[in-house]
Amino acid sequence: MIIMLCVMPLALVWNLASLQVMPWQAKGYQFLQKQGEARTLRSEKLRAYRGMITDRNGELLAVSTPVKSLVLNPQKVKPEQVDGIARSLGMPASNLRKKLEQYKNKQFMYLKRHMPPHVAQNILSKGFSGLKAETEYRRYYPA
């Protein structure tokens, strides 16, 4: 009985060491830490809204306005929708098919950037699968 009580903790320690999760075991511990961080930490650039610039008389020199960029997940687009998407964007369907073929292993591609929001909304309202819009800001200099 006493021997079993002494052997059990040793067996438990041996199992922990064999799992390679002890901090002094560089390979297992560091690998698991990096994998955990890769699955939880993300960094995304947020574009800031830049304020208006006016001259001393109050006339606009520079202004930022929101624009939409249409993005597509090539893995989610249905083949029968390609013609409709191309027609909505005013581009030949063959060009869109080539672009989809180039990005077939990706989950993100830009279709058209810096569109007026109402135009992008009209295209989104058609319900194409895998199609989304991202809001960006574009700087205009009216003067």
N, C-alpha and C. Protein backbone atom coordinates (compact mmCIF):
# COMPACT_ATOMS: atom_id res chain seq x y z
N MET A 1 0.82 -1.20 0.00
CA MET A 1 0.00 0.00 0.00
C MET A 1 0.86 1.26 0.00
N ILE A 2 1.86 1.29 0.85
CA ILE A 2 2.76 2.45 0.93
C ILE A 2 3.52 2.61 -0.39
N ILE A 3 3.89 1.50 -0.98
CA ILE A 3 4.62 1.56 -2.25
C ILE A 3 3.72 2.18 -3.33
N MET A 4 2.45 1.82 -3.35
CA MET A 4 1.51 2.38 -4.32
C MET A 4 1.36 3.89 -4.14
N LEU A 5 1.31 4.35 -2.90
CA LEU A 5 1.19 5.78 -2.63
C LEU A 5 2.43 6.54 -3.08
N CYS A 6 3.57 5.91 -3.07
CA CYS A 6 4.81 6.56 -3.53
C CYS A 6 4.93 6.52 -5.05
N VAL A 7 4.44 5.44 -5.65
CA VAL A 7 4.57 5.27 -7.09
C VAL A 7 3.57 6.14 -7.87
N MET A 8 2.38 6.32 -7.34
CA MET A 8 1.34 7.10 -8.03
C MET A 8 1.78 8.53 -8.34
N PRO A 9 2.30 9.31 -7.40
CA PRO A 9 2.76 10.66 -7.74
C PRO A 9 3.87 10.66 -8.78
N LEU A 10 4.77 9.68 -8.70
CA LEU A 10 5.85 9.60 -9.69
C LEU A 10 5.28 9.32 -11.08
N ALA A 11 4.29 8.46 -11.16
CA ALA A 11 3.66 8.17 -12.45
C ALA A 11 2.97 9.40 -13.01
N LEU A 12 2.33 10.17 -12.16
CA LEU A 12 1.66 11.39 -12.59
C LEU A 12 2.66 12.41 -13.12
N VAL A 13 3.76 12.59 -12.42
CA VAL A 13 4.81 13.53 -12.86
C VAL A 13 5.39 13.06 -14.20
N TRP A 14 5.61 11.77 -14.33
CA TRP A 14 6.14 11.22 -15.58
C TRP A 14 5.18 11.49 -16.74
N ASN A 15 3.89 11.33 -16.51
CA ASN A 15 2.90 11.61 -17.55
C ASN A 15 2.91 13.08 -17.96
N LEU A 16 2.99 13.98 -17.00
CA LEU A 16 3.06 15.41 -17.33
C LEU A 16 4.30 15.73 -18.14
N ALA A 17 5.41 15.13 -17.78
CA ALA A 17 6.65 15.38 -18.51
C ALA A 17 6.56 14.82 -19.92
N SER A 18 5.91 13.69 -20.08
CA SER A 18 5.81 13.10 -21.41
C SER A 18 4.85 13.87 -22.31
N LEU A 19 3.94 14.65 -21.75
CA LEU A 19 3.04 15.48 -22.55
C LEU A 19 3.74 16.71 -23.11
N GLN A 20 4.92 17.01 -22.63
CA GLN A 20 5.74 18.15 -23.08
C GLN A 20 5.04 19.48 -22.87
N VAL A 21 4.42 19.64 -21.75
CA VAL A 21 3.80 20.92 -21.45
C VAL A 21 4.50 21.64 -20.31
N MET A 22 5.60 21.10 -19.85
CA MET A 22 6.35 21.76 -18.79
C MET A 22 7.13 22.93 -19.39
N PRO A 23 7.22 24.04 -18.67
CA PRO A 23 7.90 25.23 -19.23
C PRO A 23 9.34 24.99 -19.64
N TRP A 24 10.05 24.09 -19.01
CA TRP A 24 11.45 23.87 -19.36
C TRP A 24 11.60 22.99 -20.60
N GLN A 25 10.55 22.39 -21.08
CA GLN A 25 10.61 21.61 -22.31
C GLN A 25 10.24 22.53 -23.47
N ALA A 26 11.26 23.05 -24.10
CA ALA A 26 11.08 24.12 -25.08
C ALA A 26 10.15 23.72 -26.23
N LYS A 27 10.34 22.57 -26.79
CA LYS A 27 9.58 22.20 -27.99
C LYS A 27 8.07 22.17 -27.73
N GLY A 28 7.63 21.40 -26.78
CA GLY A 28 6.21 21.23 -26.56
C GLY A 28 5.54 22.48 -26.01
N TYR A 29 6.11 23.07 -25.00
CA TYR A 29 5.51 24.22 -24.34
C TYR A 29 5.42 25.41 -25.28
N GLN A 30 6.52 25.75 -25.95
CA GLN A 30 6.52 26.91 -26.85
C GLN A 30 5.58 26.67 -28.04
N PHE A 31 5.58 25.46 -28.55
CA PHE A 31 4.69 25.14 -29.66
C PHE A 31 3.23 25.36 -29.27
N LEU A 32 2.85 24.85 -28.11
CA LEU A 32 1.47 25.00 -27.66
C LEU A 32 1.12 26.46 -27.38
N GLN A 33 2.06 27.23 -26.84
CA GLN A 33 1.81 28.65 -26.59
C GLN A 33 1.57 29.39 -27.91
N LYS A 34 2.43 29.14 -28.90
CA LYS A 34 2.28 29.81 -30.19
C LYS A 34 0.98 29.42 -30.89
N GLN A 35 0.63 28.16 -30.81
CA GLN A 35 -0.62 27.71 -31.43
C GLN A 35 -1.83 28.36 -30.76
N GLY A 36 -1.78 28.47 -29.45
CA GLY A 36 -2.88 29.13 -28.73
C GLY A 36 -3.01 30.59 -29.10
N GLU A 37 -1.88 31.30 -29.19
CA GLU A 37 -1.90 32.71 -29.57
C GLU A 37 -2.38 32.88 -31.00
N ALA A 38 -1.96 32.00 -31.89
CA ALA A 38 -2.37 32.10 -33.29
C ALA A 38 -3.88 31.94 -33.45
N ARG A 39 -4.49 31.20 -32.57
CA ARG A 39 -5.92 30.97 -32.67
C ARG A 39 -6.75 32.03 -31.95
N THR A 40 -6.13 32.81 -31.10
CA THR A 40 -6.90 33.79 -30.33
C THR A 40 -6.54 35.23 -30.65
N LEU A 41 -5.30 35.52 -31.00
CA LEU A 41 -4.88 36.90 -31.24
C LEU A 41 -4.96 37.23 -32.72
N ARG A 42 -5.61 38.32 -33.03
CA ARG A 42 -5.70 38.79 -34.40
C ARG A 42 -5.38 40.29 -34.39
N SER A 43 -4.75 40.73 -35.44
CA SER A 43 -4.53 42.17 -35.56
C SER A 43 -5.17 42.62 -36.87
N GLU A 44 -5.88 43.70 -36.79
CA GLU A 44 -6.57 44.23 -37.95
C GLU A 44 -6.36 45.73 -37.99
N LYS A 45 -6.00 46.23 -39.15
CA LYS A 45 -5.80 47.66 -39.28
C LYS A 45 -7.14 48.34 -39.46
N LEU A 46 -7.40 49.32 -38.63
CA LEU A 46 -8.62 50.11 -38.75
C LEU A 46 -8.24 51.47 -39.33
N ARG A 47 -8.84 51.80 -40.41
CA ARG A 47 -8.54 53.09 -41.03
C ARG A 47 -9.34 54.17 -40.33
N ALA A 48 -8.64 55.18 -39.91
CA ALA A 48 -9.28 56.25 -39.15
C ALA A 48 -9.97 57.25 -40.08
N TYR A 49 -11.03 57.82 -39.56
CA TYR A 49 -11.70 58.89 -40.28
C TYR A 49 -10.89 60.16 -40.07
N ARG A 50 -10.48 60.76 -41.15
CA ARG A 50 -9.68 61.98 -41.05
C ARG A 50 -10.62 63.18 -41.14
N GLY A 51 -10.37 64.16 -40.34
CA GLY A 51 -11.22 65.34 -40.28
C GLY A 51 -11.09 66.22 -41.51
N MET A 52 -12.02 67.19 -41.58
CA MET A 52 -12.01 68.13 -42.70
C MET A 52 -10.93 69.19 -42.47
N ILE A 53 -10.39 69.66 -43.56
CA ILE A 53 -9.41 70.75 -43.52
C ILE A 53 -10.04 71.92 -44.25
N THR A 54 -10.06 73.06 -43.58
CA THR A 54 -10.63 74.27 -44.18
C THR A 54 -9.58 75.37 -44.16
N ASP A 55 -9.79 76.34 -45.04
CA ASP A 55 -8.90 77.50 -44.99
C ASP A 55 -9.45 78.51 -43.98
N ARG A 56 -8.82 79.65 -43.88
CA ARG A 56 -9.24 80.62 -42.85
C ARG A 56 -10.62 81.21 -43.12
N ASN A 57 -11.14 81.05 -44.34
CA ASN A 57 -12.48 81.54 -44.66
C ASN A 57 -13.54 80.44 -44.50
N GLY A 58 -13.13 79.26 -44.10
CA GLY A 58 -14.07 78.16 -43.89
C GLY A 58 -14.36 77.33 -45.13
N GLU A 59 -13.63 77.58 -46.22
CA GLU A 59 -13.85 76.78 -47.42
C GLU A 59 -13.08 75.46 -47.31
N LEU A 60 -13.72 74.41 -47.78
CA LEU A 60 -13.12 73.08 -47.68
C LEU A 60 -11.91 72.95 -48.59
N LEU A 61 -10.83 72.43 -48.01
CA LEU A 61 -9.64 72.11 -48.79
C LEU A 61 -9.50 70.59 -48.95
N ALA A 62 -9.89 69.84 -47.92
CA ALA A 62 -9.81 68.37 -47.96
C ALA A 62 -10.91 67.79 -47.09
N VAL A 63 -11.51 66.71 -47.57
CA VAL A 63 -12.58 66.06 -46.83
C VAL A 63 -12.49 64.55 -47.07
N SER A 64 -12.77 63.77 -46.03
CA SER A 64 -12.82 62.31 -46.16
C SER A 64 -14.28 61.88 -46.24
N THR A 65 -14.56 61.02 -47.19
CA THR A 65 -15.92 60.50 -47.32
C THR A 65 -15.88 58.98 -47.28
N PRO A 66 -16.93 58.37 -46.72
CA PRO A 66 -16.95 56.90 -46.70
C PRO A 66 -17.24 56.34 -48.09
N VAL A 67 -16.52 55.30 -48.43
CA VAL A 67 -16.73 54.57 -49.68
C VAL A 67 -16.78 53.08 -49.34
N LYS A 68 -17.30 52.30 -50.23
CA LYS A 68 -17.41 50.86 -50.01
C LYS A 68 -16.50 50.12 -50.99
N SER A 69 -15.91 49.04 -50.50
CA SER A 69 -15.16 48.13 -51.34
C SER A 69 -15.84 46.77 -51.28
N LEU A 70 -16.14 46.22 -52.44
CA LEU A 70 -16.78 44.90 -52.49
C LEU A 70 -15.71 43.82 -52.44
N VAL A 71 -15.88 42.89 -51.51
CA VAL A 71 -14.95 41.78 -51.36
C VAL A 71 -15.73 40.48 -51.52
N LEU A 72 -15.04 39.47 -51.99
CA LEU A 72 -15.69 38.20 -52.31
C LEU A 72 -14.86 37.05 -51.75
N ASN A 73 -15.53 36.05 -51.22
CA ASN A 73 -14.88 34.81 -50.83
C ASN A 73 -15.04 33.85 -52.01
N PRO A 74 -13.97 33.61 -52.78
CA PRO A 74 -14.08 32.78 -53.98
C PRO A 74 -14.53 31.35 -53.69
N GLN A 75 -14.31 30.88 -52.47
CA GLN A 75 -14.70 29.52 -52.13
C GLN A 75 -16.20 29.40 -51.88
N LYS A 76 -16.88 30.53 -51.64
CA LYS A 76 -18.31 30.49 -51.34
C LYS A 76 -19.18 30.89 -52.52
N VAL A 77 -18.58 31.47 -53.56
CA VAL A 77 -19.39 31.93 -54.69
C VAL A 77 -19.89 30.72 -55.49
N LYS A 78 -21.14 30.79 -55.89
CA LYS A 78 -21.74 29.70 -56.69
C LYS A 78 -21.47 29.97 -58.16
N PRO A 79 -21.10 28.95 -58.93
CA PRO A 79 -20.77 29.15 -60.35
C PRO A 79 -21.88 29.81 -61.15
N GLU A 80 -23.12 29.53 -60.81
CA GLU A 80 -24.23 30.13 -61.57
C GLU A 80 -24.41 31.61 -61.27
N GLN A 81 -23.74 32.11 -60.23
CA GLN A 81 -23.86 33.53 -59.88
C GLN A 81 -22.78 34.40 -60.52
N VAL A 82 -21.79 33.78 -61.14
CA VAL A 82 -20.65 34.54 -61.68
C VAL A 82 -21.12 35.55 -62.73
N ASP A 83 -22.00 35.14 -63.63
CA ASP A 83 -22.48 36.06 -64.67
C ASP A 83 -23.23 37.24 -64.06
N GLY A 84 -24.05 36.99 -63.06
CA GLY A 84 -24.80 38.06 -62.41
C GLY A 84 -23.89 39.04 -61.68
N ILE A 85 -22.87 38.52 -61.02
CA ILE A 85 -21.92 39.40 -60.32
C ILE A 85 -21.18 40.27 -61.33
N ALA A 86 -20.70 39.64 -62.40
CA ALA A 86 -19.96 40.39 -63.43
C ALA A 86 -20.84 41.46 -64.07
N ARG A 87 -22.08 41.12 -64.36
CA ARG A 87 -23.01 42.08 -64.97
C ARG A 87 -23.25 43.26 -64.02
N SER A 88 -23.40 42.96 -62.73
CA SER A 88 -23.64 44.02 -61.74
C SER A 88 -22.45 44.97 -61.63
N LEU A 89 -21.25 44.43 -61.82
CA LEU A 89 -20.04 45.25 -61.73
C LEU A 89 -19.67 45.90 -63.05
N GLY A 90 -20.35 45.51 -64.13
CA GLY A 90 -20.05 46.08 -65.44
C GLY A 90 -18.73 45.58 -66.00
N MET A 91 -18.41 44.32 -65.74
CA MET A 91 -17.17 43.74 -66.26
C MET A 91 -17.50 42.44 -66.99
N PRO A 92 -16.65 42.03 -67.93
CA PRO A 92 -16.90 40.77 -68.64
C PRO A 92 -16.83 39.57 -67.68
N ALA A 93 -17.72 38.62 -67.87
CA ALA A 93 -17.75 37.43 -67.00
C ALA A 93 -16.47 36.62 -67.13
N SER A 94 -15.84 36.65 -68.32
CA SER A 94 -14.59 35.89 -68.51
C SER A 94 -13.48 36.45 -67.61
N ASN A 95 -13.44 37.78 -67.46
CA ASN A 95 -12.43 38.38 -66.56
C ASN A 95 -12.66 37.95 -65.12
N LEU A 96 -13.91 37.94 -64.70
CA LEU A 96 -14.22 37.53 -63.33
C LEU A 96 -13.88 36.06 -63.12
N ARG A 97 -14.16 35.22 -64.11
CA ARG A 97 -13.82 33.79 -63.98
C ARG A 97 -12.31 33.59 -63.85
N LYS A 98 -11.52 34.36 -64.62
CA LYS A 98 -10.06 34.26 -64.51
C LYS A 98 -9.60 34.67 -63.11
N LYS A 99 -10.18 35.75 -62.62
CA LYS A 99 -9.80 36.22 -61.29
C LYS A 99 -10.20 35.21 -60.21
N LEU A 100 -11.37 34.61 -60.36
CA LEU A 100 -11.81 33.58 -59.41
C LEU A 100 -10.89 32.36 -59.46
N GLU A 101 -10.41 32.03 -60.64
CA GLU A 101 -9.49 30.89 -60.77
C GLU A 101 -8.16 31.19 -60.08
N GLN A 102 -7.68 32.44 -60.20
CA GLN A 102 -6.44 32.82 -59.53
C GLN A 102 -6.57 32.75 -58.01
N TYR A 103 -7.73 33.09 -57.49
CA TYR A 103 -7.95 33.17 -56.04
C TYR A 103 -8.73 31.98 -55.49
N LYS A 104 -8.80 30.88 -56.22
CA LYS A 104 -9.66 29.77 -55.81
C LYS A 104 -9.28 29.16 -54.46
N ASN A 105 -8.02 29.27 -54.06
CA ASN A 105 -7.59 28.72 -52.77
C ASN A 105 -7.59 29.77 -51.66
N LYS A 106 -8.03 30.95 -51.96
CA LYS A 106 -8.07 32.04 -50.97
C LYS A 106 -9.50 32.22 -50.47
N GLN A 107 -9.62 32.98 -49.40
CA GLN A 107 -10.95 33.27 -48.86
C GLN A 107 -11.29 34.75 -48.97
N PHE A 108 -10.46 35.51 -49.69
CA PHE A 108 -10.67 36.95 -49.77
C PHE A 108 -10.11 37.46 -51.08
N MET A 109 -10.89 38.27 -51.75
CA MET A 109 -10.39 39.00 -52.91
C MET A 109 -11.25 40.25 -53.11
N TYR A 110 -10.60 41.32 -53.53
CA TYR A 110 -11.34 42.54 -53.83
C TYR A 110 -11.96 42.41 -55.21
N LEU A 111 -13.22 42.80 -55.30
CA LEU A 111 -13.87 42.85 -56.61
C LEU A 111 -13.79 44.25 -57.18
N LYS A 112 -14.20 45.22 -56.37
CA LYS A 112 -14.15 46.62 -56.80
C LYS A 112 -13.98 47.47 -55.56
N ARG A 113 -13.11 48.45 -55.65
CA ARG A 113 -12.81 49.28 -54.49
C ARG A 113 -13.31 50.70 -54.70
N HIS A 114 -13.54 51.36 -53.57
CA HIS A 114 -13.91 52.78 -53.51
C HIS A 114 -15.15 53.10 -54.34
N MET A 115 -16.21 52.35 -54.09
CA MET A 115 -17.49 52.59 -54.77
C MET A 115 -18.36 53.48 -53.90
N PRO A 116 -19.25 54.25 -54.50
CA PRO A 116 -20.23 54.98 -53.70
C PRO A 116 -21.09 53.98 -52.91
N PRO A 117 -21.41 54.30 -51.66
CA PRO A 117 -22.16 53.35 -50.82
C PRO A 117 -23.48 52.87 -51.42
N HIS A 118 -24.21 53.76 -52.11
CA HIS A 118 -25.50 53.33 -52.66
C HIS A 118 -25.33 52.32 -53.79
N VAL A 119 -24.27 52.44 -54.57
CA VAL A 119 -24.02 51.49 -55.66
C VAL A 119 -23.67 50.12 -55.08
N ALA A 120 -22.81 50.12 -54.06
CA ALA A 120 -22.44 48.86 -53.42
C ALA A 120 -23.65 48.20 -52.78
N GLN A 121 -24.51 49.00 -52.17
CA GLN A 121 -25.71 48.45 -51.52
C GLN A 121 -26.65 47.82 -52.54
N ASN A 122 -26.77 48.43 -53.72
CA ASN A 122 -27.61 47.85 -54.78
C ASN A 122 -27.10 46.47 -55.19
N ILE A 123 -25.78 46.32 -55.30
CA ILE A 123 -25.21 45.03 -55.68
C ILE A 123 -25.38 44.02 -54.55
N LEU A 124 -25.16 44.45 -53.31
CA LEU A 124 -25.31 43.53 -52.17
C LEU A 124 -26.75 43.05 -52.01
N SER A 125 -27.70 43.90 -52.37
CA SER A 125 -29.11 43.54 -52.19
C SER A 125 -29.54 42.39 -53.10
N LYS A 126 -28.73 42.06 -54.10
CA LYS A 126 -29.06 40.95 -54.99
C LYS A 126 -28.78 39.60 -54.35
N GLY A 127 -28.10 39.59 -53.21
CA GLY A 127 -27.93 38.37 -52.43
C GLY A 127 -26.94 37.36 -52.97
N PHE A 128 -25.86 37.81 -53.59
CA PHE A 128 -24.83 36.89 -54.07
C PHE A 128 -24.10 36.28 -52.88
N SER A 129 -23.87 34.97 -52.92
CA SER A 129 -23.21 34.31 -51.79
C SER A 129 -21.71 34.64 -51.80
N GLY A 130 -21.17 34.87 -50.61
CA GLY A 130 -19.75 35.16 -50.46
C GLY A 130 -19.38 36.60 -50.70
N LEU A 131 -20.35 37.46 -50.99
CA LEU A 131 -20.08 38.87 -51.31
C LEU A 131 -20.37 39.74 -50.10
N LYS A 132 -19.41 40.60 -49.76
CA LYS A 132 -19.56 41.53 -48.63
C LYS A 132 -19.00 42.88 -49.04
N ALA A 133 -19.29 43.89 -48.22
CA ALA A 133 -18.75 45.23 -48.45
C ALA A 133 -17.97 45.66 -47.22
N GLU A 134 -16.86 46.33 -47.44
CA GLU A 134 -16.07 46.91 -46.36
C GLU A 134 -16.10 48.42 -46.51
N THR A 135 -16.24 49.11 -45.38
CA THR A 135 -16.25 50.57 -45.40
C THR A 135 -14.82 51.07 -45.31
N GLU A 136 -14.47 51.95 -46.20
CA GLU A 136 -13.17 52.61 -46.20
C GLU A 136 -13.43 54.11 -46.34
N TYR A 137 -12.38 54.89 -46.23
CA TYR A 137 -12.51 56.33 -46.38
C TYR A 137 -11.58 56.79 -47.48
N ARG A 138 -12.08 57.71 -48.28
CA ARG A 138 -11.29 58.26 -49.38
C ARG A 138 -11.18 59.76 -49.20
N ARG A 139 -10.02 60.28 -49.45
CA ARG A 139 -9.76 61.70 -49.27
C ARG A 139 -10.02 62.42 -50.59
N TYR A 140 -10.80 63.49 -50.52
CA TYR A 140 -11.09 64.31 -51.69
C TYR A 140 -10.61 65.73 -51.42
N TYR A 141 -10.16 66.38 -52.46
CA TYR A 141 -9.66 67.74 -52.37
C TYR A 141 -10.47 68.62 -53.32
N PRO A 142 -11.58 69.18 -52.85
CA PRO A 142 -12.50 69.90 -53.74
C PRO A 142 -11.95 71.22 -54.27
N ALA A 143 -11.03 71.84 -53.60
CA ALA A 143 -10.58 73.17 -54.02
C ALA A 143 -9.69 73.14 -55.23
